[in-house]
Amino acid sequence: MTIGGFLNYLFSICVPLISLGTLGALAWLLLPDAPFGGGAPAPVAKPLMTRREQAMLVVLEQMLPAYRFHAQVSMGAIMAAPKPVGRRRYASDRNAFSQKIVDFVVEDRTTGKIVALIEVDDSTHNASRDLKRDAMTASAGYRTIRIPRSAAPTVAGVMDQIQPLRNVMLKVSQSVTERDV
C-alpha cells in the first residue's frame, strides 16, 4: 500500500469517527441531566409562604377586614424606575429592586390603593439591608410595617405594629357610616 492510499484509508475511517464523536458529545451536553450543560434544570415547586407568614396572614386578615392582602409581591410589580433627567432609563435602574419580594402588600378594598407594605421579619432578615429596603420603598411613597421576629402570630402579638392601619381603617369605616346616616 502506498502512502497516499494509506492516508486515504485513514481519512475515510477517521472523519466519520470524529464526526460521530462530535455529534455524540453535543447530544450528551444537550441532555437535561448532563453534568456540563444541558440548559437549566427543571424547576421544582416550593411553598408560597413560610408557616410564620401563613399564620401572620390569618391574623392580619382578621384584624384588618377592610383591606386585601397580596402575598409575596415583586417590588417590580409595585414600583417603577424613575426617568432620569438628561439620560435614558437603564435596566440596572429597575434591577435594583425588581427581583426583591415584599411579604404582604396591603390594598384598600374600595379604592385599590396600596396603603402599606408588611414585612414579617425572621432569621433571614438583616437590619442594615432592611433599612435600605425600607428607604427604597419609602422613596416610592410606601409605608413599610415591620413585624419583628419576636412577635407571635396572634392579635396581641402584632397589635402594636398594626394599630396605625387599624386606626385608618376605623376612621374610614366611621366616616362611611356617618355619610349613610
N, C-alpha and C. Protein backbone atom coordinates (compact mmCIF):
# COMPACT_ATOMS: atom_id res chain seq x y z
N MET A 1 0.86 -1.15 0.00
CA MET A 1 0.00 0.00 0.00
C MET A 1 0.91 1.23 0.00
N THR A 2 0.56 2.19 -0.79
CA THR A 2 1.34 3.43 -0.88
C THR A 2 0.94 4.37 0.25
N ILE A 3 1.75 5.36 0.44
CA ILE A 3 1.45 6.34 1.49
C ILE A 3 0.16 7.08 1.18
N GLY A 4 -0.07 7.43 -0.08
CA GLY A 4 -1.30 8.11 -0.48
C GLY A 4 -2.51 7.24 -0.23
N GLY A 5 -2.40 5.92 -0.54
CA GLY A 5 -3.51 5.00 -0.30
C GLY A 5 -3.79 4.85 1.18
N PHE A 6 -2.69 4.79 1.95
CA PHE A 6 -2.84 4.65 3.40
C PHE A 6 -3.53 5.88 4.00
N LEU A 7 -3.15 7.08 3.55
CA LEU A 7 -3.76 8.31 4.05
C LEU A 7 -5.24 8.38 3.66
N ASN A 8 -5.57 7.95 2.46
CA ASN A 8 -6.99 7.92 2.03
C ASN A 8 -7.78 6.97 2.93
N TYR A 9 -7.19 5.79 3.20
CA TYR A 9 -7.85 4.80 4.05
C TYR A 9 -8.05 5.37 5.45
N LEU A 10 -7.01 5.97 6.02
CA LEU A 10 -7.07 6.55 7.35
C LEU A 10 -8.08 7.69 7.40
N PHE A 11 -8.08 8.54 6.38
CA PHE A 11 -9.01 9.65 6.30
C PHE A 11 -10.45 9.15 6.21
N SER A 12 -10.69 8.10 5.47
CA SER A 12 -12.04 7.56 5.30
C SER A 12 -12.58 6.95 6.60
N ILE A 13 -11.70 6.53 7.50
CA ILE A 13 -12.13 5.98 8.78
C ILE A 13 -12.24 7.08 9.83
N CYS A 14 -11.28 7.97 9.88
CA CYS A 14 -11.20 8.98 10.95
C CYS A 14 -12.29 10.05 10.84
N VAL A 15 -12.55 10.52 9.66
CA VAL A 15 -13.55 11.59 9.51
C VAL A 15 -14.92 11.15 10.02
N PRO A 16 -15.44 9.98 9.61
CA PRO A 16 -16.74 9.57 10.16
C PRO A 16 -16.70 9.35 11.67
N LEU A 17 -15.58 8.79 12.19
CA LEU A 17 -15.49 8.58 13.64
C LEU A 17 -15.46 9.90 14.41
N ILE A 18 -14.71 10.85 13.92
CA ILE A 18 -14.64 12.15 14.57
C ILE A 18 -16.00 12.84 14.49
N SER A 19 -16.67 12.74 13.36
CA SER A 19 -18.00 13.35 13.19
C SER A 19 -19.00 12.72 14.15
N LEU A 20 -18.99 11.40 14.25
CA LEU A 20 -19.90 10.72 15.17
C LEU A 20 -19.59 11.08 16.62
N GLY A 21 -18.32 11.15 16.94
CA GLY A 21 -17.93 11.52 18.30
C GLY A 21 -18.36 12.93 18.65
N THR A 22 -18.20 13.85 17.74
CA THR A 22 -18.60 15.23 17.97
C THR A 22 -20.11 15.33 18.15
N LEU A 23 -20.86 14.66 17.29
CA LEU A 23 -22.33 14.67 17.41
C LEU A 23 -22.77 14.03 18.73
N GLY A 24 -22.12 12.95 19.10
CA GLY A 24 -22.46 12.30 20.37
C GLY A 24 -22.19 13.19 21.56
N ALA A 25 -21.05 13.89 21.54
CA ALA A 25 -20.70 14.79 22.63
C ALA A 25 -21.70 15.94 22.72
N LEU A 26 -22.09 16.50 21.58
CA LEU A 26 -23.08 17.58 21.57
C LEU A 26 -24.42 17.10 22.10
N ALA A 27 -24.84 15.93 21.66
CA ALA A 27 -26.12 15.37 22.13
C ALA A 27 -26.07 15.14 23.64
N TRP A 28 -24.95 14.66 24.13
CA TRP A 28 -24.80 14.40 25.56
C TRP A 28 -24.88 15.70 26.36
N LEU A 29 -24.25 16.77 25.84
CA LEU A 29 -24.29 18.05 26.53
C LEU A 29 -25.69 18.65 26.55
N LEU A 30 -26.49 18.33 25.56
CA LEU A 30 -27.84 18.87 25.48
C LEU A 30 -28.84 18.11 26.34
N LEU A 31 -28.44 16.98 26.87
CA LEU A 31 -29.34 16.23 27.75
C LEU A 31 -29.61 17.04 29.01
N PRO A 32 -30.85 17.01 29.53
CA PRO A 32 -31.18 17.83 30.70
C PRO A 32 -30.33 17.53 31.93
N ASP A 33 -29.90 16.31 32.12
CA ASP A 33 -29.15 15.95 33.32
C ASP A 33 -27.65 15.87 33.10
N ALA A 34 -27.18 16.36 31.96
CA ALA A 34 -25.75 16.29 31.68
C ALA A 34 -24.99 17.17 32.67
N PRO A 35 -23.85 16.70 33.17
CA PRO A 35 -23.13 17.45 34.20
C PRO A 35 -22.51 18.76 33.72
N PHE A 36 -22.25 18.93 32.45
CA PHE A 36 -21.58 20.14 31.97
C PHE A 36 -22.43 20.92 30.98
N GLY A 37 -23.68 20.97 31.16
CA GLY A 37 -24.52 21.73 30.24
C GLY A 37 -25.93 21.21 30.28
N GLY A 38 -26.61 21.34 29.17
CA GLY A 38 -27.96 20.80 29.08
C GLY A 38 -29.03 21.79 29.46
N GLY A 39 -28.71 23.06 29.58
CA GLY A 39 -29.73 24.03 29.91
C GLY A 39 -30.05 24.05 31.39
N ALA A 40 -31.06 24.80 31.73
CA ALA A 40 -31.45 24.96 33.13
C ALA A 40 -32.11 23.70 33.65
N PRO A 41 -31.91 23.40 34.92
CA PRO A 41 -32.59 22.24 35.50
C PRO A 41 -34.09 22.51 35.59
N ALA A 42 -34.86 21.46 35.63
CA ALA A 42 -36.31 21.60 35.73
C ALA A 42 -36.65 22.22 37.08
N PRO A 43 -37.54 23.21 37.10
CA PRO A 43 -37.90 23.83 38.38
C PRO A 43 -38.71 22.88 39.26
N VAL A 44 -38.67 23.13 40.55
CA VAL A 44 -39.45 22.35 41.50
C VAL A 44 -40.35 23.30 42.28
N ALA A 45 -41.50 22.81 42.71
CA ALA A 45 -42.45 23.63 43.45
C ALA A 45 -41.92 23.95 44.84
N LYS A 46 -42.31 25.10 45.35
CA LYS A 46 -41.97 25.48 46.72
C LYS A 46 -43.18 26.20 47.31
N PRO A 47 -43.30 26.22 48.63
CA PRO A 47 -44.44 26.90 49.25
C PRO A 47 -44.40 28.40 48.96
N LEU A 48 -45.56 29.00 48.82
CA LEU A 48 -45.65 30.44 48.58
C LEU A 48 -45.18 31.24 49.79
N MET A 49 -45.54 30.77 50.98
CA MET A 49 -45.20 31.48 52.20
C MET A 49 -44.64 30.50 53.23
N THR A 50 -43.87 31.05 54.15
CA THR A 50 -43.41 30.24 55.28
C THR A 50 -44.59 30.01 56.22
N ARG A 51 -44.45 29.09 57.15
CA ARG A 51 -45.53 28.85 58.12
C ARG A 51 -45.81 30.11 58.94
N ARG A 52 -44.76 30.81 59.29
CA ARG A 52 -44.93 32.06 60.06
C ARG A 52 -45.72 33.08 59.25
N GLU A 53 -45.39 33.23 57.98
CA GLU A 53 -46.13 34.17 57.13
C GLU A 53 -47.59 33.75 56.99
N GLN A 54 -47.82 32.46 56.83
CA GLN A 54 -49.20 31.96 56.73
C GLN A 54 -49.99 32.30 58.00
N ALA A 55 -49.37 32.06 59.15
CA ALA A 55 -50.04 32.36 60.42
C ALA A 55 -50.29 33.86 60.57
N MET A 56 -49.33 34.67 60.16
CA MET A 56 -49.50 36.13 60.24
C MET A 56 -50.62 36.59 59.31
N LEU A 57 -50.72 36.00 58.14
CA LEU A 57 -51.77 36.39 57.20
C LEU A 57 -53.15 36.17 57.81
N VAL A 58 -53.34 35.07 58.48
CA VAL A 58 -54.63 34.78 59.12
C VAL A 58 -54.95 35.88 60.13
N VAL A 59 -53.98 36.27 60.94
CA VAL A 59 -54.17 37.30 61.96
C VAL A 59 -54.43 38.66 61.30
N LEU A 60 -53.65 39.00 60.29
CA LEU A 60 -53.80 40.29 59.61
C LEU A 60 -55.19 40.41 58.97
N GLU A 61 -55.64 39.35 58.31
CA GLU A 61 -56.96 39.39 57.68
C GLU A 61 -58.07 39.53 58.72
N GLN A 62 -57.87 38.94 59.87
CA GLN A 62 -58.84 39.04 60.97
C GLN A 62 -58.87 40.47 61.53
N MET A 63 -57.70 41.07 61.69
CA MET A 63 -57.60 42.39 62.29
C MET A 63 -57.96 43.52 61.34
N LEU A 64 -57.74 43.31 60.06
CA LEU A 64 -57.91 44.38 59.07
C LEU A 64 -58.83 43.93 57.93
N PRO A 65 -60.10 43.70 58.20
CA PRO A 65 -61.00 43.16 57.17
C PRO A 65 -61.29 44.12 56.01
N ALA A 66 -61.03 45.40 56.19
CA ALA A 66 -61.29 46.36 55.11
C ALA A 66 -60.20 46.33 54.03
N TYR A 67 -59.14 45.60 54.31
CA TYR A 67 -58.02 45.56 53.38
C TYR A 67 -57.88 44.19 52.73
N ARG A 68 -57.31 44.22 51.54
CA ARG A 68 -56.98 42.98 50.80
C ARG A 68 -55.47 42.80 50.91
N PHE A 69 -55.06 41.57 51.10
CA PHE A 69 -53.63 41.27 51.25
C PHE A 69 -53.14 40.46 50.05
N HIS A 70 -52.03 40.92 49.51
CA HIS A 70 -51.37 40.20 48.42
C HIS A 70 -50.04 39.70 48.97
N ALA A 71 -49.81 38.42 48.85
CA ALA A 71 -48.60 37.82 49.42
C ALA A 71 -47.51 37.65 48.38
N GLN A 72 -46.26 37.85 48.83
CA GLN A 72 -45.07 37.59 48.04
C GLN A 72 -45.10 38.34 46.70
N VAL A 73 -45.18 39.65 46.79
CA VAL A 73 -45.29 40.50 45.61
C VAL A 73 -43.91 41.04 45.23
N SER A 74 -43.60 40.95 43.96
CA SER A 74 -42.34 41.50 43.46
C SER A 74 -42.41 43.02 43.53
N MET A 75 -41.31 43.64 43.98
CA MET A 75 -41.27 45.10 44.00
C MET A 75 -41.41 45.68 42.59
N GLY A 76 -41.02 44.88 41.60
CA GLY A 76 -41.18 45.32 40.22
C GLY A 76 -42.64 45.47 39.82
N ALA A 77 -43.55 44.85 40.57
CA ALA A 77 -44.98 44.97 40.28
C ALA A 77 -45.58 46.23 40.90
N ILE A 78 -44.91 46.80 41.89
CA ILE A 78 -45.48 47.96 42.58
C ILE A 78 -44.62 49.22 42.48
N MET A 79 -43.45 49.11 41.83
CA MET A 79 -42.56 50.26 41.68
C MET A 79 -41.99 50.28 40.27
N ALA A 80 -41.67 51.48 39.82
CA ALA A 80 -41.04 51.64 38.51
C ALA A 80 -39.78 52.47 38.69
N ALA A 81 -38.83 52.25 37.80
CA ALA A 81 -37.61 53.05 37.83
C ALA A 81 -37.95 54.46 37.34
N PRO A 82 -37.40 55.49 37.99
CA PRO A 82 -37.69 56.85 37.56
C PRO A 82 -37.03 57.16 36.22
N LYS A 83 -37.60 58.09 35.52
CA LYS A 83 -36.98 58.56 34.27
C LYS A 83 -35.99 59.65 34.64
N PRO A 84 -34.69 59.33 34.60
CA PRO A 84 -33.69 60.33 34.98
C PRO A 84 -33.65 61.49 33.98
N VAL A 85 -33.45 62.68 34.50
CA VAL A 85 -33.35 63.87 33.65
C VAL A 85 -32.03 63.81 32.89
N GLY A 86 -32.09 63.96 31.60
CA GLY A 86 -30.89 64.04 30.79
C GLY A 86 -30.28 62.71 30.38
N ARG A 87 -30.88 61.61 30.75
CA ARG A 87 -30.36 60.31 30.31
C ARG A 87 -31.52 59.34 30.19
N ARG A 88 -31.28 58.27 29.50
CA ARG A 88 -32.34 57.28 29.34
C ARG A 88 -32.39 56.35 30.54
N ARG A 89 -33.46 55.64 30.64
CA ARG A 89 -33.65 54.68 31.72
C ARG A 89 -32.88 53.41 31.38
N TYR A 90 -32.20 52.84 32.35
CA TYR A 90 -31.42 51.63 32.15
C TYR A 90 -32.04 50.46 32.90
N ALA A 91 -31.80 49.27 32.39
CA ALA A 91 -32.30 48.06 33.05
C ALA A 91 -31.73 47.96 34.47
N SER A 92 -30.52 48.42 34.67
CA SER A 92 -29.91 48.35 36.01
C SER A 92 -30.68 49.20 37.02
N ASP A 93 -31.35 50.27 36.55
CA ASP A 93 -32.17 51.09 37.46
C ASP A 93 -33.31 50.24 38.02
N ARG A 94 -33.95 49.48 37.18
CA ARG A 94 -35.07 48.62 37.59
C ARG A 94 -34.55 47.40 38.35
N ASN A 95 -33.42 46.88 37.93
CA ASN A 95 -32.88 45.67 38.57
C ASN A 95 -32.52 45.89 40.03
N ALA A 96 -32.35 47.15 40.44
CA ALA A 96 -32.01 47.44 41.83
C ALA A 96 -33.10 46.98 42.79
N PHE A 97 -34.34 46.84 42.30
CA PHE A 97 -35.44 46.45 43.18
C PHE A 97 -36.36 45.38 42.60
N SER A 98 -36.37 45.19 41.31
CA SER A 98 -37.42 44.39 40.67
C SER A 98 -37.48 42.93 41.11
N GLN A 99 -36.37 42.36 41.55
CA GLN A 99 -36.37 40.96 41.97
C GLN A 99 -36.61 40.79 43.47
N LYS A 100 -36.70 41.89 44.19
CA LYS A 100 -36.96 41.81 45.64
C LYS A 100 -38.44 41.53 45.86
N ILE A 101 -38.75 40.84 46.94
CA ILE A 101 -40.12 40.41 47.24
C ILE A 101 -40.60 41.06 48.53
N VAL A 102 -41.83 41.54 48.52
CA VAL A 102 -42.49 42.08 49.70
C VAL A 102 -43.38 40.97 50.27
N ASP A 103 -43.32 40.75 51.58
CA ASP A 103 -44.14 39.69 52.17
C ASP A 103 -45.62 39.92 51.91
N PHE A 104 -46.13 41.12 52.27
CA PHE A 104 -47.54 41.42 52.04
C PHE A 104 -47.71 42.85 51.56
N VAL A 105 -48.53 43.02 50.53
CA VAL A 105 -48.95 44.33 50.08
C VAL A 105 -50.39 44.48 50.58
N VAL A 106 -50.65 45.59 51.29
CA VAL A 106 -51.97 45.85 51.86
C VAL A 106 -52.68 46.84 50.95
N GLU A 107 -53.84 46.43 50.44
CA GLU A 107 -54.59 47.24 49.48
C GLU A 107 -55.96 47.58 50.05
N ASP A 108 -56.38 48.82 49.91
CA ASP A 108 -57.71 49.23 50.32
C ASP A 108 -58.71 48.58 49.35
N ARG A 109 -59.66 47.84 49.89
CA ARG A 109 -60.63 47.12 49.04
C ARG A 109 -61.50 48.05 48.20
N THR A 110 -61.80 49.24 48.70
CA THR A 110 -62.70 50.12 47.97
C THR A 110 -62.00 50.96 46.91
N THR A 111 -60.79 51.40 47.20
CA THR A 111 -60.09 52.29 46.26
C THR A 111 -59.04 51.57 45.42
N GLY A 112 -58.57 50.43 45.90
CA GLY A 112 -57.49 49.72 45.20
C GLY A 112 -56.12 50.32 45.48
N LYS A 113 -56.07 51.32 46.36
CA LYS A 113 -54.81 51.98 46.69
C LYS A 113 -54.00 51.11 47.66
N ILE A 114 -52.70 51.07 47.43
CA ILE A 114 -51.80 50.37 48.36
C ILE A 114 -51.63 51.27 49.57
N VAL A 115 -51.98 50.75 50.76
CA VAL A 115 -51.90 51.56 51.98
C VAL A 115 -50.65 51.25 52.79
N ALA A 116 -50.06 50.08 52.59
CA ALA A 116 -48.84 49.74 53.34
C ALA A 116 -48.22 48.48 52.76
N LEU A 117 -46.99 48.27 53.12
CA LEU A 117 -46.28 47.03 52.85
C LEU A 117 -45.96 46.43 54.21
N ILE A 118 -46.11 45.12 54.34
CA ILE A 118 -45.81 44.47 55.61
C ILE A 118 -44.71 43.44 55.40
N GLU A 119 -43.70 43.53 56.24
CA GLU A 119 -42.60 42.58 56.23
C GLU A 119 -42.64 41.80 57.54
N VAL A 120 -42.65 40.49 57.43
CA VAL A 120 -42.63 39.61 58.59
C VAL A 120 -41.18 39.18 58.78
N ASP A 121 -40.52 39.80 59.73
CA ASP A 121 -39.10 39.53 59.94
C ASP A 121 -38.89 38.15 60.56
N ASP A 122 -37.82 37.53 60.12
CA ASP A 122 -37.42 36.22 60.66
C ASP A 122 -35.89 36.17 60.68
N SER A 123 -35.35 34.99 60.86
CA SER A 123 -33.89 34.86 61.00
C SER A 123 -33.14 35.23 59.73
N THR A 124 -33.82 35.28 58.58
CA THR A 124 -33.13 35.62 57.33
C THR A 124 -32.97 37.12 57.13
N HIS A 125 -33.62 37.92 57.95
CA HIS A 125 -33.58 39.37 57.77
C HIS A 125 -32.32 39.96 58.40
N ASN A 126 -31.82 41.00 57.73
CA ASN A 126 -30.62 41.71 58.15
C ASN A 126 -31.02 43.17 58.36
N ALA A 127 -30.77 43.71 59.54
CA ALA A 127 -31.24 45.05 59.91
C ALA A 127 -30.75 46.13 58.94
N SER A 128 -29.48 46.11 58.55
CA SER A 128 -28.97 47.17 57.67
C SER A 128 -29.57 47.05 56.26
N ARG A 129 -29.73 45.82 55.77
CA ARG A 129 -30.38 45.64 54.46
C ARG A 129 -31.84 46.06 54.53
N ASP A 130 -32.50 45.74 55.64
CA ASP A 130 -33.91 46.11 55.80
C ASP A 130 -34.09 47.63 55.81
N LEU A 131 -33.17 48.35 56.45
CA LEU A 131 -33.24 49.82 56.45
C LEU A 131 -33.14 50.38 55.04
N LYS A 132 -32.21 49.84 54.25
CA LYS A 132 -32.05 50.29 52.86
C LYS A 132 -33.31 49.98 52.05
N ARG A 133 -33.85 48.79 52.26
CA ARG A 133 -35.09 48.39 51.57
C ARG A 133 -36.24 49.30 51.92
N ASP A 134 -36.38 49.58 53.21
CA ASP A 134 -37.47 50.44 53.66
C ASP A 134 -37.31 51.86 53.12
N ALA A 135 -36.08 52.35 53.02
CA ALA A 135 -35.83 53.67 52.44
C ALA A 135 -36.21 53.67 50.96
N MET A 136 -35.93 52.58 50.27
CA MET A 136 -36.27 52.47 48.85
C MET A 136 -37.78 52.50 48.66
N THR A 137 -38.51 51.71 49.44
CA THR A 137 -39.97 51.68 49.30
C THR A 137 -40.58 53.00 49.76
N ALA A 138 -39.99 53.64 50.77
CA ALA A 138 -40.48 54.94 51.24
C ALA A 138 -40.31 56.00 50.15
N SER A 139 -39.20 55.93 49.40
CA SER A 139 -38.99 56.91 48.33
C SER A 139 -40.03 56.75 47.22
N ALA A 140 -40.63 55.57 47.13
CA ALA A 140 -41.70 55.35 46.16
C ALA A 140 -43.06 55.71 46.74
N GLY A 141 -43.07 56.12 48.02
CA GLY A 141 -44.32 56.55 48.65
C GLY A 141 -45.02 55.49 49.48
N TYR A 142 -44.34 54.40 49.78
CA TYR A 142 -44.95 53.33 50.56
C TYR A 142 -44.47 53.33 51.99
N ARG A 143 -45.39 53.02 52.87
CA ARG A 143 -45.06 52.84 54.28
C ARG A 143 -44.82 51.35 54.50
N THR A 144 -43.71 51.00 55.12
CA THR A 144 -43.43 49.61 55.43
C THR A 144 -43.60 49.38 56.92
N ILE A 145 -44.41 48.39 57.24
CA ILE A 145 -44.61 47.98 58.62
C ILE A 145 -43.83 46.70 58.81
N ARG A 146 -42.99 46.69 59.81
CA ARG A 146 -42.20 45.50 60.10
C ARG A 146 -42.74 44.82 61.35
N ILE A 147 -43.02 43.55 61.19
CA ILE A 147 -43.43 42.74 62.34
C ILE A 147 -42.17 42.02 62.80
N PRO A 148 -41.70 42.34 64.01
CA PRO A 148 -40.42 41.79 64.45
C PRO A 148 -40.47 40.27 64.64
N ARG A 149 -39.31 39.71 64.59
CA ARG A 149 -39.16 38.26 64.76
C ARG A 149 -39.76 37.79 66.08
N SER A 150 -39.69 38.64 67.09
CA SER A 150 -40.18 38.27 68.42
C SER A 150 -41.70 38.26 68.53
N ALA A 151 -42.40 38.88 67.57
CA ALA A 151 -43.86 38.97 67.64
C ALA A 151 -44.51 37.63 67.29
N ALA A 152 -45.39 37.20 68.16
CA ALA A 152 -46.14 35.96 67.91
C ALA A 152 -47.22 36.24 66.87
N PRO A 153 -47.57 35.26 66.06
CA PRO A 153 -48.63 35.46 65.08
C PRO A 153 -50.02 35.39 65.73
N THR A 154 -50.27 36.38 66.60
CA THR A 154 -51.55 36.50 67.29
C THR A 154 -51.97 37.96 67.25
N VAL A 155 -53.24 38.22 67.55
CA VAL A 155 -53.73 39.60 67.58
C VAL A 155 -52.90 40.41 68.57
N ALA A 156 -52.71 39.88 69.77
CA ALA A 156 -51.92 40.59 70.79
C ALA A 156 -50.46 40.77 70.34
N GLY A 157 -49.93 39.80 69.63
CA GLY A 157 -48.54 39.83 69.21
C GLY A 157 -48.23 40.89 68.18
N VAL A 158 -49.20 41.27 67.35
CA VAL A 158 -48.94 42.25 66.28
C VAL A 158 -49.74 43.54 66.43
N MET A 159 -50.49 43.67 67.53
CA MET A 159 -51.36 44.84 67.71
C MET A 159 -50.58 46.15 67.62
N ASP A 160 -49.42 46.24 68.26
CA ASP A 160 -48.67 47.50 68.26
C ASP A 160 -48.26 47.91 66.85
N GLN A 161 -47.81 46.97 66.04
CA GLN A 161 -47.37 47.29 64.69
C GLN A 161 -48.55 47.62 63.76
N ILE A 162 -49.67 46.96 63.96
CA ILE A 162 -50.81 47.08 63.05
C ILE A 162 -51.77 48.19 63.46
N GLN A 163 -51.67 48.69 64.67
CA GLN A 163 -52.62 49.68 65.18
C GLN A 163 -52.78 50.90 64.27
N PRO A 164 -51.71 51.47 63.70
CA PRO A 164 -51.91 52.62 62.80
C PRO A 164 -52.83 52.29 61.60
N LEU A 165 -52.70 51.10 61.04
CA LEU A 165 -53.59 50.71 59.93
C LEU A 165 -55.01 50.50 60.43
N ARG A 166 -55.15 49.95 61.61
CA ARG A 166 -56.50 49.77 62.20
C ARG A 166 -57.16 51.12 62.42
N ASN A 167 -56.39 52.11 62.89
CA ASN A 167 -56.94 53.44 63.12
C ASN A 167 -57.46 54.05 61.83
N VAL A 168 -56.67 53.96 60.76
CA VAL A 168 -57.10 54.48 59.46
C VAL A 168 -58.35 53.74 58.99
N MET A 169 -58.34 52.42 59.11
CA MET A 169 -59.48 51.63 58.68
C MET A 169 -60.74 52.01 59.47
N LEU A 170 -60.60 52.20 60.78
CA LEU A 170 -61.75 52.55 61.61
C LEU A 170 -62.26 53.95 61.28
N LYS A 171 -61.37 54.92 61.00
CA LYS A 171 -61.78 56.27 60.61
C LYS A 171 -62.56 56.24 59.31
N VAL A 172 -62.07 55.47 58.34
CA VAL A 172 -62.73 55.38 57.05
C VAL A 172 -64.11 54.75 57.21
N SER A 173 -64.19 53.66 57.94
CA SER A 173 -65.49 53.00 58.10
C SER A 173 -66.44 53.87 58.91
N GLN A 174 -65.94 54.68 59.86
CA GLN A 174 -66.77 55.57 60.64
C GLN A 174 -67.31 56.69 59.76
N SER A 175 -66.48 57.25 58.88
CA SER A 175 -66.94 58.32 58.01
C SER A 175 -67.96 57.80 56.99
N VAL A 176 -67.80 56.57 56.53
CA VAL A 176 -68.77 55.99 55.61
C VAL A 176 -70.10 55.79 56.33
N THR A 177 -70.06 55.33 57.57
CA THR A 177 -71.27 55.11 58.36
C THR A 177 -71.98 56.45 58.61
N GLU A 178 -71.23 57.50 58.93
CA GLU A 178 -71.83 58.82 59.18
C GLU A 178 -72.48 59.37 57.92
N ARG A 179 -71.90 59.12 56.74
CA ARG A 179 -72.49 59.57 55.48
C ARG A 179 -73.79 58.86 55.18
N ASP A 180 -73.84 57.58 55.52
CA ASP A 180 -75.03 56.78 55.24
C ASP A 180 -76.20 57.15 56.14
N VAL A 181 -75.92 57.78 57.30
CA VAL A 181 -77.00 58.10 58.26
C VAL A 181 -77.74 59.33 57.88
